[in-house]
Amino acid sequence: MEEKIAEAHRYRMEWHICRICGTRGENKTYTAREMMYGTREGFDYFVCNRCKCMQIAEIPTDLGKYYAGGYYSFRERETHSFEGSANVENKVLDVGCGTGKWLLEWAEKGYGNLFGCDPFIEEDVSYGDRIFIKKCEIDEMEGKFDFIRFSDSFEHIARPLETLQNVKRLLNAGGMCEIQIPVFPNAAWDTFGINWYQLDAPRHIFLHSVESMRYLCGKCDLRIDEVRYNSNEFQFAVSYFYMDGYSYAKAKEQISIVYSEDKEWLEGFKKDAIKCNEKKYGDHAVFNIVHA
């Protein structure tokens, strides 16, 4: 175990330019493996010495191929009908929404005026007169929104500064943008290194720190109003099995098997996650962002 942990933290010093804050210099550089599908293809990541953002050294030319084959946000479309009139008081935009799982949940609760955008879906999607999803980036969206949401999508975006500039453009004066993302550094990384499952190479282009998020928001005249850490036990449990070479699906299977025989194993990770969140050192957080 100790040898595997040491290997997972092995790095080399290489020269990079941070794509967030522009700092140039030698940075700790790690080779992470694609583990969602278990191809184990290698990708280099480095950590900026200034803003602490971990980022992929070279973005793959064809990122789309790493979202093929039923990636979790692109479930099969279904036919939906909604009863009664919709509450359209607030206009909502979900960025990187896939085919609209979260938007559908809100529509079922009675909300309308729901919009989404995602460049990786096959085509535009609409559900009745309540949900409208475009196959595009956020820079192609028009209008004003009261609530803009990124749920585990911001880390996939290659141009985060331009994206937040578009948030500034699209967000109403009294509105809020909620960004849910894995964050770096964290306790799971400290323990498992490149086997930290939220690294998710190469799909996660940036593993943002609080510092890098503040830097980006400041450049766009936006302000972080609140940061809430909400990591869970899987930051440890899935990473544990990644260390032994399991793909994501196989790791989840192993977790279920172990849990059926030893519930305390996973319960211990749950308690650890709560402590990490209290210390603001979990691997996932929610950023509430408003106009500065």
Protein backbone atom coordinates (compact mmCIF):
# COMPACT_ATOMS: atom_id res chain seq x y z
CA MET A 1 0.00 0.00 0.00
CA GLU A 2 2.74 2.48 0.95
CA GLU A 3 4.55 1.83 -2.34
CA LYS A 4 1.36 2.46 -4.33
CA ILE A 5 0.72 5.73 -2.47
CA ALA A 6 4.30 6.87 -3.05
CA GLU A 7 4.04 6.03 -6.75
CA ALA A 8 0.75 7.93 -7.03
CA HIS A 9 2.47 11.10 -5.77
CA ARG A 10 5.54 10.85 -7.97
CA TYR A 11 6.12 14.01 -9.97
CA ARG A 12 8.71 15.73 -12.11
CA MET A 13 9.42 19.43 -12.47
CA GLU A 14 8.53 20.82 -15.89
CA TRP A 15 8.11 24.30 -17.36
CA HIS A 16 4.50 25.39 -17.95
CA ILE A 17 2.39 28.51 -18.37
CA CYS A 18 -0.74 28.54 -16.22
CA ARG A 19 -3.83 29.04 -18.39
CA ILE A 20 -5.64 30.67 -15.44
CA CYS A 21 -3.30 33.32 -14.00
CA GLY A 22 -0.54 33.31 -16.64
CA THR A 23 2.27 32.43 -14.24
CA ARG A 24 5.31 30.89 -15.97
CA GLY A 25 7.73 28.55 -14.27
CA GLU A 26 8.63 25.03 -13.24
CA ASN A 27 5.67 23.16 -11.83
CA LYS A 28 5.05 19.78 -10.25
CA THR A 29 3.84 17.61 -13.13
CA TYR A 30 2.03 14.28 -12.79
CA THR A 31 0.89 11.64 -15.29
CA ALA A 32 -2.74 10.69 -14.65
CA ARG A 33 -4.63 7.83 -16.33
CA GLU A 34 -8.06 7.70 -17.96
CA MET A 35 -10.09 5.58 -15.53
CA MET A 36 -13.76 6.30 -16.26
CA TYR A 37 -13.67 3.70 -19.05
CA GLY A 38 -10.43 2.13 -17.84
CA THR A 39 -8.33 2.74 -20.97
CA ARG A 40 -5.44 3.91 -18.74
CA GLU A 41 -4.28 6.36 -21.41
CA GLY A 42 -1.82 8.80 -19.84
CA PHE A 43 -2.26 12.58 -19.58
CA ASP A 44 0.08 15.08 -17.93
CA TYR A 45 -1.28 17.52 -15.32
CA PHE A 46 0.58 20.28 -13.50
CA VAL A 47 -0.11 22.46 -10.47
CA CYS A 48 0.32 26.23 -10.76
CA ASN A 49 2.62 27.61 -8.06
CA ARG A 50 0.59 30.82 -7.79
CA CYS A 51 -3.15 30.10 -8.10
CA LYS A 52 -2.86 26.40 -7.10
CA CYS A 53 -5.04 25.24 -9.99
CA MET A 54 -4.27 21.74 -11.27
CA GLN A 55 -4.70 21.58 -15.04
CA ILE A 56 -4.06 19.31 -17.98
CA ALA A 57 -0.81 20.20 -19.73
CA GLU A 58 -2.19 19.68 -23.25
CA ILE A 59 -5.88 19.58 -24.08
CA PRO A 60 -6.67 16.67 -26.45
CA THR A 61 -7.59 17.78 -29.96
CA ASP A 62 -10.77 15.67 -30.01
CA LEU A 63 -12.21 15.82 -26.50
CA GLY A 64 -15.57 14.60 -27.80
CA LYS A 65 -14.36 11.02 -28.13
CA TYR A 66 -13.81 10.86 -24.37
CA TYR A 67 -17.53 11.46 -23.80
CA ALA A 68 -18.71 8.62 -26.03
CA GLY A 69 -20.49 5.45 -25.01
CA GLY A 70 -23.01 6.63 -22.44
CA TYR A 71 -21.04 9.16 -20.42
CA TYR A 72 -23.11 9.81 -17.29
CA SER A 73 -24.70 13.13 -18.30
CA PHE A 74 -25.97 11.93 -21.69
CA ARG A 75 -28.74 9.53 -20.79
CA GLU A 76 -31.25 8.45 -23.40
CA ARG A 77 -33.90 11.06 -24.13
CA GLU A 78 -37.44 10.39 -23.02
CA THR A 79 -40.85 11.79 -23.88
CA HIS A 80 -42.27 14.07 -21.18
CA SER A 81 -45.53 15.91 -20.68
CA PHE A 82 -46.19 18.31 -17.84
CA GLU A 83 -49.50 19.08 -16.15
CA GLY A 84 -50.76 22.51 -15.20
CA SER A 85 -49.32 25.93 -15.84
CA ALA A 86 -45.62 26.56 -15.31
CA ASN A 87 -44.01 28.97 -12.86
CA VAL A 88 -41.98 31.20 -15.16
CA GLU A 89 -41.04 33.92 -12.69
CA ASN A 90 -37.33 33.08 -12.87
CA LYS A 91 -35.38 32.27 -16.02
CA VAL A 92 -32.86 29.46 -15.50
CA LEU A 93 -29.83 28.32 -17.53
CA ASP A 94 -28.09 24.99 -16.88
CA VAL A 95 -24.65 24.94 -18.56
CA GLY A 96 -23.29 21.53 -19.54
CA CYS A 97 -26.67 19.97 -18.83
CA GLY A 98 -26.42 16.89 -21.05
CA THR A 99 -29.93 15.99 -22.18
CA GLY A 100 -31.49 17.79 -19.23
CA LYS A 101 -31.88 15.52 -16.19
CA TRP A 102 -31.85 18.38 -13.66
CA LEU A 103 -34.03 20.60 -15.85
CA LEU A 104 -36.59 17.80 -16.14
CA GLU A 105 -36.69 17.49 -12.36
CA TRP A 106 -37.43 21.19 -12.07
CA ALA A 107 -40.07 21.06 -14.79
CA GLU A 108 -41.79 18.20 -12.93
CA LYS A 109 -41.93 20.49 -9.88
CA GLY A 110 -43.86 23.04 -11.93
CA TYR A 111 -41.16 25.37 -13.20
CA GLY A 112 -40.87 26.65 -16.76
CA ASN A 113 -38.54 29.09 -18.51
CA LEU A 114 -35.81 26.45 -18.27
CA PHE A 115 -32.87 26.54 -20.67
CA GLY A 116 -29.73 24.51 -21.14
CA CYS A 117 -26.66 24.32 -23.35
CA ASP A 118 -24.15 21.54 -23.97
CA PRO A 119 -21.74 21.21 -26.91
CA PHE A 120 -21.48 17.42 -26.59
CA ILE A 121 -25.14 16.44 -27.08
CA GLU A 122 -26.09 15.16 -30.54
CA GLU A 123 -28.69 17.84 -31.32
CA ASP A 124 -30.95 20.49 -29.79
CA VAL A 125 -33.48 19.14 -27.29
CA SER A 126 -36.83 20.51 -26.14
CA TYR A 127 -39.45 19.17 -23.73
CA GLY A 128 -42.83 20.75 -24.40
CA ASP A 129 -42.95 24.46 -23.70
CA ARG A 130 -40.83 24.33 -20.54
CA ILE A 131 -37.33 23.14 -21.43
CA PHE A 132 -35.12 24.23 -24.32
CA ILE A 133 -31.59 22.87 -24.66
CA LYS A 134 -29.16 23.99 -27.35
CA LYS A 135 -26.18 22.09 -28.69
CA CYS A 136 -23.72 24.93 -28.14
CA GLU A 137 -21.31 26.66 -25.80
CA ILE A 138 -22.48 29.34 -23.37
CA ASP A 139 -21.12 32.10 -25.63
CA GLU A 140 -23.91 31.34 -28.13
CA MET A 141 -26.68 31.87 -25.57
CA GLU A 142 -28.67 35.12 -25.58
CA GLY A 143 -30.95 36.91 -23.12
CA LYS A 144 -30.81 37.37 -19.36
CA PHE A 145 -31.11 34.74 -16.64
CA ASP A 146 -31.86 34.88 -12.93
CA PHE A 147 -30.04 31.66 -12.11
CA ILE A 148 -27.14 30.12 -14.03
CA ARG A 149 -25.96 26.69 -12.99
CA PHE A 150 -22.84 24.61 -13.67
CA SER A 151 -23.16 21.20 -12.03
CA ASP A 152 -19.86 19.37 -12.47
CA SER A 153 -19.42 20.96 -15.89
CA PHE A 154 -17.17 23.98 -15.27
CA GLU A 155 -14.12 21.75 -14.83
CA HIS A 156 -14.70 20.42 -18.38
CA ILE A 157 -14.52 23.89 -19.94
CA ALA A 158 -11.32 24.82 -21.79
CA ARG A 159 -11.88 28.60 -21.57
CA PRO A 160 -13.05 29.33 -18.02
CA LEU A 161 -12.31 33.07 -18.15
CA GLU A 162 -14.39 33.57 -21.30
CA THR A 163 -17.10 31.39 -19.78
CA LEU A 164 -17.36 33.60 -16.67
CA GLN A 165 -17.35 36.69 -18.88
CA ASN A 166 -20.43 35.21 -20.52
CA VAL A 167 -21.93 34.54 -17.09
CA LYS A 168 -21.44 38.24 -16.35
CA ARG A 169 -23.17 39.10 -19.66
CA LEU A 170 -26.11 36.74 -19.15
CA LEU A 171 -26.74 37.11 -15.41
CA ASN A 172 -29.43 39.55 -14.24
CA ALA A 173 -28.34 42.22 -11.76
CA GLY A 174 -29.86 40.42 -8.79
CA GLY A 175 -29.17 36.93 -10.08
CA MET A 176 -26.82 34.20 -8.93
CA CYS A 177 -24.53 31.71 -10.61
CA GLU A 178 -23.96 28.40 -8.84
CA ILE A 179 -20.86 26.41 -9.81
CA GLN A 180 -20.44 22.91 -8.39
CA ILE A 181 -16.97 21.52 -9.04
CA PRO A 182 -14.25 19.23 -7.71
CA VAL A 183 -11.64 21.36 -5.95
CA PHE A 184 -7.89 21.08 -5.42
CA PRO A 185 -6.02 20.58 -3.12
CA ASN A 186 -7.94 18.16 -0.91
CA ALA A 187 -7.58 15.20 1.44
CA ALA A 188 -8.35 12.59 -1.24
CA TRP A 189 -5.49 13.88 -3.39
CA ASP A 190 -3.19 13.91 -0.37
CA THR A 191 -4.00 10.23 0.17
CA PHE A 192 -4.38 8.82 -3.35
CA GLY A 193 -2.52 11.23 -5.63
CA ILE A 194 -3.16 10.57 -9.33
CA ASN A 195 -5.69 7.89 -8.35
CA TRP A 196 -8.01 10.60 -6.99
CA TYR A 197 -11.12 9.76 -8.98
CA GLN A 198 -12.30 13.35 -9.44
CA LEU A 199 -9.17 14.04 -11.47
CA ASP A 200 -11.03 12.23 -14.29
CA ALA A 201 -8.36 12.64 -16.97
CA PRO A 202 -8.68 13.99 -19.61
CA ARG A 203 -12.26 15.25 -19.25
CA HIS A 204 -11.49 17.46 -16.27
CA ILE A 205 -9.32 20.11 -17.85
CA PHE A 206 -9.06 22.22 -14.70
CA LEU A 207 -9.20 21.16 -11.05
CA HIS A 208 -9.79 24.60 -9.61
CA SER A 209 -8.64 25.91 -6.26
CA VAL A 210 -10.50 28.59 -4.31
CA GLU A 211 -7.66 30.91 -5.31
CA SER A 212 -8.06 30.24 -9.04
CA MET A 213 -11.83 30.75 -8.83
CA ARG A 214 -11.36 34.06 -7.03
CA TYR A 215 -8.83 35.14 -9.63
CA LEU A 216 -11.17 34.34 -12.52
CA CYS A 217 -14.19 36.00 -10.89
CA GLY A 218 -12.17 39.12 -10.14
CA LYS A 219 -11.18 39.40 -13.80
CA CYS A 220 -14.89 39.35 -14.75
CA ASP A 221 -16.23 41.77 -12.12
CA LEU A 222 -17.93 38.89 -10.33
CA ARG A 223 -17.70 37.97 -6.66
CA ILE A 224 -17.78 34.66 -4.78
CA ASP A 225 -20.50 35.13 -2.19
CA GLU A 226 -20.15 31.73 -0.53
CA VAL A 227 -18.18 28.47 -0.80
CA ARG A 228 -19.77 25.32 0.62
CA TYR A 229 -17.84 22.05 0.71
CA ASN A 230 -20.01 19.03 -0.05
CA SER A 231 -17.62 16.15 -0.78
CA ASN A 232 -18.76 12.62 0.02
CA GLU A 233 -17.32 9.21 0.84
CA PHE A 234 -16.65 8.30 -2.78
CA GLN A 235 -13.66 10.65 -2.91
CA PHE A 236 -11.93 7.95 -0.85
CA ALA A 237 -13.80 4.77 -1.77
CA VAL A 238 -13.57 5.05 -5.58
CA SER A 239 -10.00 6.36 -5.41
CA TYR A 240 -9.07 3.33 -3.28
CA PHE A 241 -10.07 0.98 -6.10
CA TYR A 242 -8.56 3.20 -8.81
CA MET A 243 -5.28 2.55 -7.02
CA ASP A 244 -5.71 -1.13 -7.92
CA GLY A 245 -6.51 -0.36 -11.56
CA TYR A 246 -10.31 -0.72 -11.52
CA SER A 247 -12.38 1.39 -13.93
CA TYR A 248 -15.11 3.61 -12.48
CA ALA A 249 -17.89 1.06 -13.08
CA LYS A 250 -15.81 -1.79 -11.65
CA ALA A 251 -14.85 0.34 -8.65
CA LYS A 252 -18.51 1.05 -7.88
CA GLU A 253 -19.22 -2.69 -8.12
CA GLN A 254 -16.43 -3.43 -5.66
CA ILE A 255 -17.72 -0.78 -3.26
CA SER A 256 -21.15 -2.44 -3.26
CA ILE A 257 -19.58 -5.84 -2.58
CA VAL A 258 -17.44 -4.55 0.29
CA TYR A 259 -20.36 -2.56 1.75
CA SER A 260 -22.57 -5.67 1.80
CA GLU A 261 -19.94 -7.43 3.92
CA ASP A 262 -18.47 -4.56 5.94
CA LYS A 263 -20.66 -1.47 6.26
CA GLU A 264 -18.22 0.18 8.65
CA TRP A 265 -15.65 0.47 5.82
CA LEU A 266 -17.79 2.94 3.86
CA GLU A 267 -19.28 4.53 6.97
CA GLY A 268 -15.75 5.43 8.04
CA PHE A 269 -15.21 7.23 4.73
CA LYS A 270 -18.50 9.11 5.23
CA LYS A 271 -17.31 10.38 8.59
CA ASP A 272 -13.98 11.37 7.06
CA ALA A 273 -15.79 13.32 4.32
CA ILE A 274 -17.83 15.26 6.89
CA LYS A 275 -14.64 16.21 8.74
CA CYS A 276 -12.97 17.26 5.48
CA ASN A 277 -15.90 19.50 4.57
CA GLU A 278 -15.84 21.10 8.02
CA LYS A 279 -12.14 21.85 7.52
CA LYS A 280 -12.79 23.12 3.96
CA TYR A 281 -10.58 20.37 2.61
CA GLY A 282 -13.03 18.09 0.85
CA ASP A 283 -12.69 17.38 -2.88
CA HIS A 284 -15.94 19.05 -3.99
CA ALA A 285 -17.53 22.43 -3.35
CA VAL A 286 -20.35 24.76 -4.41
CA PHE A 287 -19.47 28.35 -5.34
CA ASN A 288 -22.26 30.95 -5.22
CA ILE A 289 -21.24 33.81 -7.51
CA VAL A 290 -22.89 37.22 -7.89
CA HIS A 291 -22.15 40.55 -9.53
CA ALA A 292 -19.35 42.42 -7.74
